[in-house]
Every structure is written in C-alpha cells, then in structure tokens.
N, C-alpha and C. Protein backbone atom coordinates (compact mmCIF):
# COMPACT_ATOMS: atom_id res chain seq x y z
N MET A 1 44.44 -3.51 -33.27
CA MET A 1 43.57 -3.90 -32.16
C MET A 1 42.13 -3.61 -32.55
N GLY A 2 41.22 -4.48 -32.16
CA GLY A 2 39.82 -4.36 -32.49
C GLY A 2 39.11 -3.28 -31.68
N LYS A 3 37.84 -3.23 -31.87
CA LYS A 3 36.97 -2.25 -31.21
C LYS A 3 36.98 -2.40 -29.69
N TYR A 4 37.14 -3.62 -29.21
CA TYR A 4 37.11 -3.90 -27.78
C TYR A 4 38.42 -4.54 -27.36
N SER A 5 38.87 -4.16 -26.19
CA SER A 5 40.01 -4.84 -25.60
C SER A 5 39.78 -4.91 -24.09
N LYS A 6 40.30 -5.93 -23.48
CA LYS A 6 40.11 -6.11 -22.05
C LYS A 6 40.83 -5.03 -21.27
N LYS A 7 40.22 -4.62 -20.15
CA LYS A 7 40.85 -3.64 -19.28
C LYS A 7 41.93 -4.33 -18.46
N SER A 8 42.98 -3.60 -18.19
CA SER A 8 44.04 -4.13 -17.34
C SER A 8 43.58 -4.08 -15.88
N MET A 9 44.30 -4.76 -15.01
CA MET A 9 43.97 -4.73 -13.58
C MET A 9 44.04 -3.30 -13.04
N GLU A 10 45.00 -2.52 -13.51
CA GLU A 10 45.12 -1.12 -13.07
C GLU A 10 43.92 -0.31 -13.53
N GLU A 11 43.46 -0.54 -14.75
CA GLU A 11 42.32 0.20 -15.29
C GLU A 11 41.02 -0.12 -14.55
N LEU A 12 40.94 -1.32 -13.98
CA LEU A 12 39.74 -1.70 -13.23
C LEU A 12 39.62 -0.92 -11.92
N GLU A 13 40.74 -0.44 -11.41
CA GLU A 13 40.78 0.36 -10.19
C GLU A 13 40.08 -0.31 -9.01
N ARG A 14 40.35 -1.58 -8.81
CA ARG A 14 39.77 -2.32 -7.70
C ARG A 14 40.47 -1.97 -6.40
N LEU A 15 39.74 -2.08 -5.32
CA LEU A 15 40.32 -1.86 -4.01
C LEU A 15 41.21 -3.03 -3.62
N SER A 16 42.20 -2.77 -2.80
CA SER A 16 42.98 -3.87 -2.24
C SER A 16 42.12 -4.59 -1.21
N GLY A 17 42.54 -5.76 -0.78
CA GLY A 17 41.80 -6.49 0.25
C GLY A 17 41.63 -5.67 1.51
N ALA A 18 42.70 -5.01 1.94
CA ALA A 18 42.63 -4.18 3.15
C ALA A 18 41.69 -3.00 2.95
N GLU A 19 41.74 -2.38 1.77
CA GLU A 19 40.84 -1.25 1.49
C GLU A 19 39.39 -1.70 1.45
N MET A 20 39.15 -2.89 0.90
CA MET A 20 37.78 -3.42 0.81
C MET A 20 37.20 -3.65 2.20
N LYS A 21 38.01 -4.15 3.11
CA LYS A 21 37.52 -4.38 4.47
C LYS A 21 37.04 -3.10 5.12
N GLN A 22 37.66 -1.96 4.78
CA GLN A 22 37.33 -0.67 5.38
C GLN A 22 36.31 0.13 4.57
N ALA A 23 36.01 -0.29 3.36
CA ALA A 23 35.15 0.48 2.45
C ALA A 23 33.70 0.50 2.92
N ASP A 24 32.96 1.51 2.46
CA ASP A 24 31.52 1.56 2.71
C ASP A 24 30.87 0.35 2.06
N LYS A 25 29.87 -0.17 2.73
CA LYS A 25 29.17 -1.35 2.23
C LYS A 25 27.67 -1.06 2.17
N HIS A 26 27.00 -1.79 1.31
CA HIS A 26 25.53 -1.74 1.32
C HIS A 26 25.07 -2.42 2.60
N PRO A 27 24.03 -1.90 3.24
CA PRO A 27 23.57 -2.49 4.51
C PRO A 27 22.76 -3.77 4.30
N VAL A 28 23.41 -4.74 3.70
CA VAL A 28 22.75 -6.01 3.36
C VAL A 28 23.57 -7.16 3.95
N VAL A 29 22.88 -8.05 4.65
CA VAL A 29 23.47 -9.29 5.14
C VAL A 29 22.84 -10.42 4.34
N VAL A 30 23.68 -11.29 3.81
CA VAL A 30 23.20 -12.48 3.11
C VAL A 30 23.29 -13.64 4.08
N ILE A 31 22.18 -14.33 4.28
CA ILE A 31 22.12 -15.48 5.19
C ILE A 31 21.94 -16.74 4.35
N LEU A 32 22.84 -17.70 4.52
CA LEU A 32 22.74 -18.97 3.81
C LEU A 32 22.17 -20.03 4.76
N ASP A 33 21.03 -20.57 4.39
CA ASP A 33 20.27 -21.52 5.19
C ASP A 33 20.54 -22.95 4.72
N ASP A 34 21.45 -23.65 5.40
CA ASP A 34 21.78 -25.04 5.08
C ASP A 34 22.14 -25.25 3.60
N VAL A 35 22.99 -24.40 3.09
CA VAL A 35 23.50 -24.57 1.72
C VAL A 35 24.59 -25.63 1.78
N ARG A 36 24.51 -26.62 0.93
CA ARG A 36 25.44 -27.75 1.06
C ARG A 36 26.69 -27.65 0.21
N SER A 37 26.64 -26.93 -0.90
CA SER A 37 27.76 -26.91 -1.84
C SER A 37 28.81 -25.86 -1.48
N MET A 38 30.05 -26.33 -1.35
CA MET A 38 31.15 -25.40 -1.08
C MET A 38 31.37 -24.45 -2.25
N HIS A 39 31.12 -24.92 -3.46
CA HIS A 39 31.26 -24.05 -4.63
C HIS A 39 30.22 -22.94 -4.60
N ASN A 40 29.00 -23.26 -4.19
CA ASN A 40 27.98 -22.22 -4.05
C ASN A 40 28.38 -21.21 -2.97
N VAL A 41 28.89 -21.69 -1.86
CA VAL A 41 29.32 -20.79 -0.78
C VAL A 41 30.43 -19.87 -1.28
N GLY A 42 31.41 -20.42 -1.97
CA GLY A 42 32.49 -19.60 -2.52
C GLY A 42 31.98 -18.57 -3.51
N SER A 43 31.04 -18.96 -4.35
CA SER A 43 30.45 -18.02 -5.31
C SER A 43 29.70 -16.90 -4.61
N VAL A 44 29.01 -17.22 -3.54
CA VAL A 44 28.29 -16.20 -2.79
C VAL A 44 29.28 -15.20 -2.17
N PHE A 45 30.38 -15.70 -1.63
CA PHE A 45 31.41 -14.79 -1.11
C PHE A 45 31.88 -13.83 -2.20
N ARG A 46 32.17 -14.37 -3.35
CA ARG A 46 32.69 -13.55 -4.45
C ARG A 46 31.67 -12.52 -4.89
N THR A 47 30.41 -12.90 -4.96
CA THR A 47 29.34 -11.98 -5.35
C THR A 47 29.15 -10.90 -4.29
N CYS A 48 29.19 -11.28 -3.03
CA CYS A 48 29.03 -10.30 -1.95
C CYS A 48 30.18 -9.30 -1.95
N ASP A 49 31.37 -9.74 -2.28
CA ASP A 49 32.50 -8.83 -2.42
C ASP A 49 32.25 -7.88 -3.60
N ALA A 50 31.85 -8.43 -4.74
CA ALA A 50 31.65 -7.62 -5.95
C ALA A 50 30.63 -6.51 -5.74
N PHE A 51 29.58 -6.80 -4.97
CA PHE A 51 28.52 -5.82 -4.77
C PHE A 51 28.61 -5.11 -3.42
N ALA A 52 29.72 -5.30 -2.72
CA ALA A 52 30.00 -4.60 -1.45
C ALA A 52 28.88 -4.79 -0.42
N MET A 53 28.60 -6.05 -0.10
CA MET A 53 27.60 -6.37 0.91
C MET A 53 28.23 -6.32 2.30
N GLN A 54 27.42 -6.07 3.30
CA GLN A 54 27.89 -5.90 4.68
C GLN A 54 28.50 -7.18 5.25
N ALA A 55 27.80 -8.32 5.07
CA ALA A 55 28.29 -9.56 5.69
C ALA A 55 27.54 -10.76 5.12
N ILE A 56 28.08 -11.92 5.42
CA ILE A 56 27.42 -13.20 5.13
C ILE A 56 27.29 -13.94 6.44
N TYR A 57 26.10 -14.47 6.72
CA TYR A 57 25.88 -15.35 7.86
C TYR A 57 25.70 -16.76 7.30
N LEU A 58 26.60 -17.64 7.65
CA LEU A 58 26.54 -19.04 7.25
C LEU A 58 25.86 -19.79 8.38
N SER A 59 24.86 -20.60 8.06
CA SER A 59 24.13 -21.24 9.15
C SER A 59 23.84 -22.70 8.87
N GLY A 60 23.59 -23.41 9.99
CA GLY A 60 23.32 -24.84 9.90
C GLY A 60 24.54 -25.57 9.39
N TYR A 61 24.33 -26.48 8.45
CA TYR A 61 25.46 -27.25 7.93
C TYR A 61 26.14 -26.59 6.73
N THR A 62 25.84 -25.33 6.48
CA THR A 62 26.55 -24.60 5.42
C THR A 62 28.05 -24.63 5.73
N PRO A 63 28.88 -25.05 4.77
CA PRO A 63 30.32 -25.11 5.04
C PRO A 63 30.91 -23.71 5.24
N THR A 64 31.99 -23.66 6.00
CA THR A 64 32.64 -22.39 6.31
C THR A 64 34.10 -22.41 5.87
N PRO A 65 34.66 -21.23 5.60
CA PRO A 65 36.10 -21.16 5.34
C PRO A 65 36.85 -21.49 6.62
N PRO A 66 38.09 -21.87 6.58
CA PRO A 66 38.84 -22.08 5.34
C PRO A 66 38.61 -23.47 4.78
N HIS A 67 38.45 -23.54 3.49
CA HIS A 67 38.37 -24.83 2.80
C HIS A 67 38.77 -24.60 1.35
N ARG A 68 39.54 -25.52 0.83
CA ARG A 68 40.06 -25.42 -0.54
C ARG A 68 38.95 -25.20 -1.56
N ASP A 69 37.83 -25.93 -1.44
CA ASP A 69 36.76 -25.82 -2.43
C ASP A 69 36.00 -24.49 -2.34
N ILE A 70 35.93 -23.91 -1.14
CA ILE A 70 35.32 -22.59 -1.01
C ILE A 70 36.26 -21.54 -1.61
N HIS A 71 37.53 -21.63 -1.27
CA HIS A 71 38.51 -20.66 -1.76
C HIS A 71 38.65 -20.72 -3.28
N LYS A 72 38.45 -21.90 -3.86
CA LYS A 72 38.57 -22.07 -5.30
C LYS A 72 37.62 -21.15 -6.06
N THR A 73 36.41 -20.98 -5.56
CA THR A 73 35.45 -20.11 -6.24
C THR A 73 35.39 -18.72 -5.64
N ALA A 74 35.75 -18.57 -4.37
CA ALA A 74 35.70 -17.26 -3.73
C ALA A 74 36.84 -16.35 -4.19
N LEU A 75 37.94 -16.91 -4.62
CA LEU A 75 39.10 -16.16 -5.10
C LEU A 75 39.52 -15.04 -4.16
N GLY A 76 39.58 -15.35 -2.87
CA GLY A 76 40.04 -14.38 -1.88
C GLY A 76 38.95 -13.59 -1.18
N ALA A 77 37.72 -13.73 -1.62
CA ALA A 77 36.63 -12.95 -1.03
C ALA A 77 36.32 -13.36 0.41
N THR A 78 36.77 -14.53 0.84
CA THR A 78 36.57 -14.90 2.24
C THR A 78 37.40 -14.02 3.15
N GLU A 79 38.37 -13.32 2.59
CA GLU A 79 39.21 -12.41 3.36
C GLU A 79 38.68 -10.98 3.35
N THR A 80 37.78 -10.66 2.43
CA THR A 80 37.29 -9.28 2.29
C THR A 80 35.84 -9.10 2.72
N VAL A 81 35.09 -10.19 2.83
CA VAL A 81 33.69 -10.12 3.25
C VAL A 81 33.59 -10.66 4.67
N ARG A 82 33.02 -9.87 5.57
CA ARG A 82 32.84 -10.31 6.95
C ARG A 82 31.83 -11.45 6.96
N TRP A 83 32.13 -12.48 7.77
CA TRP A 83 31.20 -13.60 7.87
C TRP A 83 31.18 -14.14 9.29
N GLU A 84 30.05 -14.77 9.61
CA GLU A 84 29.87 -15.45 10.89
C GLU A 84 29.15 -16.77 10.63
N HIS A 85 29.35 -17.72 11.54
CA HIS A 85 28.61 -18.98 11.44
C HIS A 85 27.66 -19.09 12.62
N PHE A 86 26.46 -19.59 12.35
CA PHE A 86 25.43 -19.83 13.36
C PHE A 86 24.99 -21.28 13.27
N ALA A 87 24.78 -21.91 14.42
CA ALA A 87 24.36 -23.32 14.44
C ALA A 87 23.01 -23.51 13.76
N ALA A 88 22.13 -22.54 13.92
CA ALA A 88 20.79 -22.63 13.32
C ALA A 88 20.50 -21.34 12.55
N THR A 89 19.80 -21.48 11.44
CA THR A 89 19.46 -20.31 10.64
C THR A 89 18.58 -19.35 11.41
N THR A 90 17.69 -19.89 12.26
CA THR A 90 16.85 -18.99 13.05
C THR A 90 17.70 -18.11 13.97
N ASP A 91 18.83 -18.63 14.47
CA ASP A 91 19.73 -17.82 15.28
C ASP A 91 20.33 -16.68 14.45
N ALA A 92 20.71 -16.97 13.22
CA ALA A 92 21.25 -15.95 12.33
C ALA A 92 20.21 -14.87 12.05
N VAL A 93 18.98 -15.31 11.77
CA VAL A 93 17.89 -14.38 11.49
C VAL A 93 17.59 -13.50 12.70
N LEU A 94 17.51 -14.11 13.87
CA LEU A 94 17.21 -13.33 15.08
C LEU A 94 18.34 -12.36 15.41
N THR A 95 19.59 -12.75 15.15
CA THR A 95 20.71 -11.83 15.35
C THR A 95 20.59 -10.62 14.42
N ALA A 96 20.25 -10.88 13.17
CA ALA A 96 20.08 -9.79 12.21
C ALA A 96 18.90 -8.89 12.61
N LYS A 97 17.79 -9.51 13.03
CA LYS A 97 16.63 -8.72 13.47
C LYS A 97 17.00 -7.82 14.65
N LYS A 98 17.73 -8.37 15.60
CA LYS A 98 18.13 -7.61 16.79
C LYS A 98 19.02 -6.42 16.40
N ALA A 99 19.77 -6.57 15.30
CA ALA A 99 20.64 -5.50 14.82
C ALA A 99 19.88 -4.51 13.92
N GLY A 100 18.57 -4.69 13.77
CA GLY A 100 17.76 -3.74 13.02
C GLY A 100 17.55 -4.06 11.55
N TYR A 101 17.87 -5.27 11.14
CA TYR A 101 17.66 -5.67 9.75
C TYR A 101 16.26 -6.22 9.55
N LYS A 102 15.61 -5.85 8.44
CA LYS A 102 14.38 -6.50 8.02
C LYS A 102 14.79 -7.78 7.31
N ILE A 103 14.03 -8.84 7.55
CA ILE A 103 14.39 -10.16 7.04
C ILE A 103 13.50 -10.53 5.85
N TYR A 104 14.13 -10.85 4.74
CA TYR A 104 13.40 -11.31 3.56
C TYR A 104 13.97 -12.64 3.09
N ALA A 105 13.11 -13.63 3.00
CA ALA A 105 13.50 -14.92 2.42
C ALA A 105 13.38 -14.79 0.91
N VAL A 106 14.35 -15.30 0.19
CA VAL A 106 14.26 -15.34 -1.27
C VAL A 106 13.70 -16.72 -1.60
N GLU A 107 12.41 -16.72 -1.88
CA GLU A 107 11.69 -17.99 -1.99
C GLU A 107 10.44 -17.81 -2.83
N GLN A 108 10.05 -18.87 -3.52
CA GLN A 108 8.79 -18.89 -4.25
C GLN A 108 7.71 -19.21 -3.23
N ALA A 109 6.99 -18.18 -2.81
CA ALA A 109 6.02 -18.34 -1.72
C ALA A 109 4.78 -17.51 -2.00
N HIS A 110 3.67 -17.94 -1.42
CA HIS A 110 2.45 -17.14 -1.52
C HIS A 110 2.71 -15.78 -0.88
N ASN A 111 2.15 -14.74 -1.47
CA ASN A 111 2.25 -13.36 -0.98
C ASN A 111 3.66 -12.79 -1.07
N SER A 112 4.51 -13.38 -1.90
CA SER A 112 5.87 -12.85 -2.06
C SER A 112 5.85 -11.56 -2.88
N ILE A 113 6.94 -10.82 -2.79
CA ILE A 113 7.15 -9.60 -3.57
C ILE A 113 7.99 -10.00 -4.77
N SER A 114 7.57 -9.64 -5.96
CA SER A 114 8.37 -9.93 -7.14
C SER A 114 9.61 -9.03 -7.12
N LEU A 115 10.77 -9.60 -7.39
CA LEU A 115 12.02 -8.86 -7.32
C LEU A 115 11.97 -7.58 -8.17
N ASP A 116 11.34 -7.65 -9.33
CA ASP A 116 11.31 -6.48 -10.20
C ASP A 116 10.47 -5.33 -9.64
N THR A 117 9.63 -5.61 -8.65
CA THR A 117 8.83 -4.54 -8.05
C THR A 117 9.32 -4.15 -6.66
N LEU A 118 10.38 -4.78 -6.20
CA LEU A 118 10.92 -4.47 -4.88
C LEU A 118 11.44 -3.03 -4.85
N ASN A 119 11.00 -2.28 -3.87
CA ASN A 119 11.48 -0.92 -3.68
C ASN A 119 12.39 -0.90 -2.47
N TRP A 120 13.68 -0.99 -2.72
CA TRP A 120 14.66 -0.95 -1.64
C TRP A 120 15.32 0.42 -1.65
N ASN A 121 15.23 1.12 -0.53
CA ASN A 121 15.79 2.46 -0.48
C ASN A 121 17.05 2.54 0.37
N GLY A 122 17.67 1.41 0.60
CA GLY A 122 18.93 1.41 1.33
C GLY A 122 18.82 1.09 2.80
N GLU A 123 17.61 0.72 3.27
CA GLU A 123 17.47 0.34 4.67
C GLU A 123 18.17 -1.00 4.91
N LYS A 124 18.45 -1.28 6.17
CA LYS A 124 19.12 -2.53 6.54
C LYS A 124 18.21 -3.71 6.21
N ILE A 125 18.76 -4.65 5.45
CA ILE A 125 17.97 -5.80 5.02
C ILE A 125 18.85 -7.05 5.09
N ALA A 126 18.26 -8.15 5.52
CA ALA A 126 18.93 -9.45 5.49
C ALA A 126 18.16 -10.34 4.53
N LEU A 127 18.88 -10.97 3.63
CA LEU A 127 18.29 -11.82 2.61
C LEU A 127 18.67 -13.27 2.89
N VAL A 128 17.67 -14.12 3.06
CA VAL A 128 17.91 -15.53 3.36
C VAL A 128 17.76 -16.35 2.08
N PHE A 129 18.81 -17.08 1.75
CA PHE A 129 18.81 -17.97 0.59
C PHE A 129 18.90 -19.39 1.12
N GLY A 130 18.06 -20.27 0.59
CA GLY A 130 17.93 -21.60 1.16
C GLY A 130 18.72 -22.70 0.48
N ASN A 131 18.55 -23.87 1.04
CA ASN A 131 19.17 -25.10 0.58
C ASN A 131 18.87 -25.35 -0.90
N GLU A 132 19.83 -25.96 -1.60
CA GLU A 132 19.72 -26.21 -3.03
C GLU A 132 18.50 -27.05 -3.41
N VAL A 133 18.02 -27.90 -2.54
CA VAL A 133 16.87 -28.76 -2.85
C VAL A 133 15.59 -28.27 -2.18
N SER A 134 15.66 -28.00 -0.89
CA SER A 134 14.43 -27.69 -0.14
C SER A 134 14.17 -26.20 0.05
N GLY A 135 15.08 -25.34 -0.35
CA GLY A 135 14.86 -23.90 -0.24
C GLY A 135 15.00 -23.40 1.19
N VAL A 136 14.39 -22.24 1.46
CA VAL A 136 14.42 -21.64 2.79
C VAL A 136 13.53 -22.46 3.72
N SER A 137 14.00 -22.73 4.92
CA SER A 137 13.26 -23.57 5.86
C SER A 137 11.95 -22.91 6.28
N ASP A 138 10.97 -23.75 6.61
CA ASP A 138 9.67 -23.26 7.09
C ASP A 138 9.83 -22.43 8.36
N ALA A 139 10.76 -22.81 9.23
CA ALA A 139 10.98 -22.07 10.47
C ALA A 139 11.40 -20.63 10.17
N VAL A 140 12.23 -20.44 9.16
CA VAL A 140 12.66 -19.08 8.78
C VAL A 140 11.50 -18.33 8.12
N LEU A 141 10.75 -19.01 7.27
CA LEU A 141 9.61 -18.35 6.62
C LEU A 141 8.64 -17.78 7.66
N GLN A 142 8.49 -18.47 8.78
CA GLN A 142 7.55 -18.03 9.81
C GLN A 142 8.01 -16.76 10.53
N ILE A 143 9.32 -16.48 10.55
CA ILE A 143 9.80 -15.30 11.27
C ILE A 143 10.32 -14.20 10.33
N ALA A 144 10.23 -14.45 9.03
CA ALA A 144 10.67 -13.45 8.05
C ALA A 144 9.66 -12.31 7.98
N ASP A 145 10.14 -11.14 7.60
CA ASP A 145 9.27 -9.98 7.39
C ASP A 145 8.60 -10.02 6.03
N GLY A 146 9.12 -10.84 5.13
CA GLY A 146 8.56 -10.96 3.80
C GLY A 146 9.35 -11.93 2.96
N CYS A 147 8.86 -12.16 1.75
CA CYS A 147 9.54 -13.03 0.80
C CYS A 147 9.71 -12.28 -0.52
N ILE A 148 10.84 -12.49 -1.14
CA ILE A 148 11.13 -11.93 -2.46
C ILE A 148 11.22 -13.11 -3.43
N GLU A 149 10.56 -12.97 -4.56
CA GLU A 149 10.56 -14.02 -5.57
C GLU A 149 11.16 -13.50 -6.86
N ILE A 150 12.06 -14.27 -7.46
CA ILE A 150 12.66 -13.92 -8.74
C ILE A 150 11.72 -14.39 -9.85
N PRO A 151 11.24 -13.47 -10.69
CA PRO A 151 10.37 -13.90 -11.80
C PRO A 151 11.11 -14.87 -12.72
N GLN A 152 10.42 -15.91 -13.16
CA GLN A 152 11.00 -16.89 -14.07
C GLN A 152 9.94 -17.31 -15.09
N TRP A 153 10.39 -17.63 -16.30
CA TRP A 153 9.45 -17.97 -17.36
C TRP A 153 9.73 -19.33 -17.99
N GLY A 154 10.77 -20.01 -17.58
CA GLY A 154 11.14 -21.29 -18.18
C GLY A 154 10.44 -22.47 -17.55
N SER A 155 10.86 -23.65 -17.91
CA SER A 155 10.22 -24.86 -17.41
C SER A 155 10.80 -25.35 -16.08
N LYS A 156 12.02 -24.94 -15.76
CA LYS A 156 12.61 -25.36 -14.49
C LYS A 156 12.03 -24.53 -13.35
N HIS A 157 11.95 -25.13 -12.17
CA HIS A 157 11.24 -24.47 -11.08
C HIS A 157 12.11 -23.55 -10.23
N SER A 158 13.44 -23.54 -10.47
CA SER A 158 14.27 -22.67 -9.64
C SER A 158 15.60 -22.41 -10.32
N LEU A 159 16.36 -21.49 -9.73
CA LEU A 159 17.72 -21.18 -10.16
C LEU A 159 18.71 -21.73 -9.14
N ASN A 160 19.94 -21.94 -9.55
CA ASN A 160 20.99 -22.30 -8.60
C ASN A 160 21.12 -21.17 -7.58
N ILE A 161 21.41 -21.51 -6.34
CA ILE A 161 21.49 -20.49 -5.28
C ILE A 161 22.51 -19.40 -5.60
N SER A 162 23.66 -19.75 -6.15
CA SER A 162 24.66 -18.72 -6.43
C SER A 162 24.16 -17.78 -7.52
N VAL A 163 23.41 -18.29 -8.47
CA VAL A 163 22.81 -17.45 -9.51
C VAL A 163 21.75 -16.55 -8.88
N SER A 164 20.93 -17.12 -8.01
CA SER A 164 19.88 -16.33 -7.33
C SER A 164 20.48 -15.18 -6.54
N VAL A 165 21.57 -15.45 -5.82
CA VAL A 165 22.22 -14.39 -5.05
C VAL A 165 22.69 -13.28 -5.99
N GLY A 166 23.31 -13.65 -7.10
CA GLY A 166 23.78 -12.66 -8.06
C GLY A 166 22.65 -11.82 -8.64
N VAL A 167 21.56 -12.47 -9.01
CA VAL A 167 20.42 -11.77 -9.59
C VAL A 167 19.82 -10.79 -8.58
N VAL A 168 19.58 -11.24 -7.36
CA VAL A 168 18.94 -10.40 -6.35
C VAL A 168 19.84 -9.24 -5.96
N LEU A 169 21.12 -9.50 -5.69
CA LEU A 169 22.01 -8.42 -5.28
C LEU A 169 22.22 -7.41 -6.40
N TRP A 170 22.33 -7.88 -7.63
CA TRP A 170 22.48 -6.95 -8.75
C TRP A 170 21.24 -6.06 -8.86
N GLU A 171 20.08 -6.63 -8.78
CA GLU A 171 18.85 -5.83 -8.90
C GLU A 171 18.76 -4.80 -7.78
N MET A 172 19.19 -5.17 -6.59
CA MET A 172 19.14 -4.23 -5.47
C MET A 172 20.12 -3.07 -5.67
N VAL A 173 21.37 -3.37 -6.00
CA VAL A 173 22.34 -2.30 -6.14
C VAL A 173 22.10 -1.49 -7.42
N ARG A 174 21.48 -2.09 -8.40
CA ARG A 174 21.14 -1.37 -9.62
C ARG A 174 20.17 -0.22 -9.28
N LYS A 175 19.27 -0.50 -8.37
CA LYS A 175 18.28 0.50 -7.98
C LYS A 175 18.84 1.52 -7.00
N LYS A 176 19.86 1.12 -6.23
CA LYS A 176 20.40 2.01 -5.18
C LYS A 176 21.90 1.87 -5.13
N GLN A 177 22.61 2.84 -5.63
CA GLN A 177 24.08 2.82 -5.60
C GLN A 177 24.57 3.32 -4.25
N LEU A 178 25.81 2.96 -3.88
CA LEU A 178 26.43 3.42 -2.63
C LEU A 178 26.47 4.93 -2.59
C-alpha cells in the first residue's frame, strides 16, 4: 500500500442523520435569492451539512425539496439541514433579522468587505447568495447590513453560486471552529 490510502466510512466518524439534526451548529443561515438551478440548491444543502450551518432559507423561485435533481447533488443533506421556503427573499431576510441575525449579501458591490478581511466571531449571521445571472436583488441589498465580496483575480466576473457558498462558509468556519 502506498503512502496514502482513503479513510473508511468508520474512520471518518461522521454523525448519523439523526445525530446531525441534534448537533451544535454554526449560527449561520444561508439565504438563496431566486437561485434557479436544482443542482446548485442540492450542492448548497450538501455544503451546509458539511460545515454544520443552522439553516437554509430558499426564497422566490428557488426550487425546494423534494426533487430528484436536488437530491442527486444533496446526497441526503435535505434531511439533515433545516430549511424553509419564503415567497420573497425580503421576507426571508426580515425573518432572519427579527431572529437577531445580521444580514450580509455575498455580492460584488461598492463598500463591500473582502472575505479575507472578514472578522466573524461567531455572532448570528445570515448570508444571502443571489441568482446565477443577476446576483443578489437590489431590494435585498437595500436592507442588508453589509456585503461580503470574494476576492478574484481571473478574467471571469463571478463564481458559480455553489462554489461561492463553499468558499465563504469554509473561510468563516476556518476562522471560528464550533
């Protein structure tokens, strides 16, 4: 056997679905603002499970479980991550605000905070990720407490939403473990 070998499922020591539902979570709500792709939604569920996020708020025309294409990429995470659907993203944002969450849109915007300089100390935060083409809606930008921008150096102007969610959540939990 070589220098590296894959860990077995037992060695990974993952929680069962029931244990995950009861486990401590980071006080982060991910809000999806009119995300159209079921594959992106499924990927976000899986990422939120991996990083132990509090919940996902699906809003507008963002597809909701149960659906075969969401489950295909979520791999069961729709059963372990709490989620709610809201008719409008502003309703999701206002619900999070009322529950004491600070609202940050993940968007390339004037006066945004660069992700690498974000100082998150574990306070309740809701992160809004926008539509694959148009980004976070202007209505949400007007009621957000701030914007977080992912630094980029290439020629393309944005990342896929599921990649953005992974990058932002990883950077946050990297700085603050449970």
